[in-house]
C-alpha atoms as a PDB file:
ATOM      1  CA  MET A   1       0.000   0.000   0.000  1.00  0.00           C
ATOM      2  CA  TYR A   2       2.746   2.463   0.917  1.00  0.00           C
ATOM      3  CA  VAL A   3       4.665   1.654  -2.259  1.00  0.00           C
ATOM      4  CA  TRP A   4       1.538   2.380  -4.300  1.00  0.00           C
ATOM      5  CA  ILE A   5       1.105   5.748  -2.561  1.00  0.00           C
ATOM      6  CA  TRP A   6       4.802   6.573  -3.001  1.00  0.00           C
ATOM      7  CA  ARG A   7       4.692   5.793  -6.722  1.00  0.00           C
ATOM      8  CA  HIS A   8       1.651   8.013  -7.263  1.00  0.00           C
ATOM      9  CA  LEU A   9       3.035  11.068  -5.464  1.00  0.00           C
ATOM     10  CA  PRO A  10       4.281  13.706  -7.908  1.00  0.00           C
ATOM     11  CA  GLY A  11       7.709  15.298  -8.025  1.00  0.00           C
ATOM     12  CA  PRO A  12      11.225  14.431  -6.944  1.00  0.00           C
ATOM     13  CA  THR A  13      12.076  12.714  -3.675  1.00  0.00           C
ATOM     14  CA  ALA A  14      12.067  15.869  -1.530  1.00  0.00           C
ATOM     15  CA  VAL A  15       8.592  16.830  -2.738  1.00  0.00           C
ATOM     16  CA  ARG A  16       7.356  13.282  -2.217  1.00  0.00           C
ATOM     17  CA  VAL A  17       8.629  13.251   1.363  1.00  0.00           C
ATOM     18  CA  GLY A  18       6.936  16.581   2.073  1.00  0.00           C
ATOM     19  CA  THR A  19       3.678  15.399   0.548  1.00  0.00           C
ATOM     20  CA  ALA A  20       3.813  12.112   2.465  1.00  0.00           C
ATOM     21  CA  VAL A  21       4.403  13.970   5.750  1.00  0.00           C
ATOM     22  CA  ALA A  22       1.535  16.354   4.980  1.00  0.00           C
ATOM     23  CA  LEU A  23      -0.762  13.402   4.236  1.00  0.00           C
ATOM     24  CA  ALA A  24       0.233  11.670   7.484  1.00  0.00           C
ATOM     25  CA  VAL A  25      -0.357  14.869   9.505  1.00  0.00           C
ATOM     26  CA  GLY A  26      -3.730  15.287   7.795  1.00  0.00           C
ATOM     27  CA  VAL A  27      -4.801  11.755   8.656  1.00  0.00           C
ATOM     28  CA  VAL A  28      -3.729  12.172  12.290  1.00  0.00           C
ATOM     29  CA  ALA A  29      -5.559  15.513  12.534  1.00  0.00           C
ATOM     30  CA  LEU A  30      -8.705  13.976  11.032  1.00  0.00           C
ATOM     31  CA  LEU A  31      -8.584  11.149  13.563  1.00  0.00           C
ATOM     32  CA  MET A  32      -7.877  13.399  16.571  1.00  0.00           C
ATOM     33  CA  PHE A  33     -10.399  16.162  15.810  1.00  0.00           C
ATOM     34  CA  VAL A  34     -13.231  14.342  14.024  1.00  0.00           C
ATOM     35  CA  ILE A  35     -13.227  10.565  14.378  1.00  0.00           C
ATOM     36  CA  PHE A  36     -12.115  10.093  18.001  1.00  0.00           C
ATOM     37  CA  PRO A  37     -14.460  12.757  19.484  1.00  0.00           C
ATOM     38  CA  TRP A  38     -17.362  11.210  17.565  1.00  0.00           C
ATOM     39  CA  LEU A  39     -16.397   7.717  18.745  1.00  0.00           C
ATOM     40  CA  GLU A  40     -15.732   8.561  22.418  1.00  0.00           C
ATOM     41  CA  PRO A  41     -19.362   8.474  23.669  1.00  0.00           C
ATOM     42  CA  LEU A  42     -19.806   5.047  22.102  1.00  0.00           C
ATOM     43  CA  LEU A  43     -16.914   3.486  24.039  1.00  0.00           C
ATOM     44  CA  PRO A  44     -17.543   1.879  27.438  1.00  0.00           C
ATOM     45  CA  PHE A  45     -14.479   3.381  29.171  1.00  0.00           C
ATOM     46  CA  ASN A  46     -16.235   6.258  30.986  1.00  0.00           C
ATOM     47  CA  ASN A  47     -17.444   4.280  34.027  1.00  0.00           C
ATOM     48  CA  VAL A  48     -14.166   3.013  35.454  1.00  0.00           C
ATOM     49  CA  THR A  49     -14.391   2.559  39.210  1.00  0.00           C
ATOM     50  CA  ALA A  50     -12.486   0.387  41.643  1.00  0.00           C
ATOM     51  CA  GLU A  51     -14.444  -0.706  44.703  1.00  0.00           C
END
């Protein structure tokens, strides 16, 4: 999968590295600000008590 992405990125190696880093940062930002907040109320980890 990563080889396929690398082959389809435009430009020389330096541009490809920059684009790959930007894509990775974008995916992490999407997960942290959209997906995880939406998913948090559905997870059963809020009621953790030790008695």
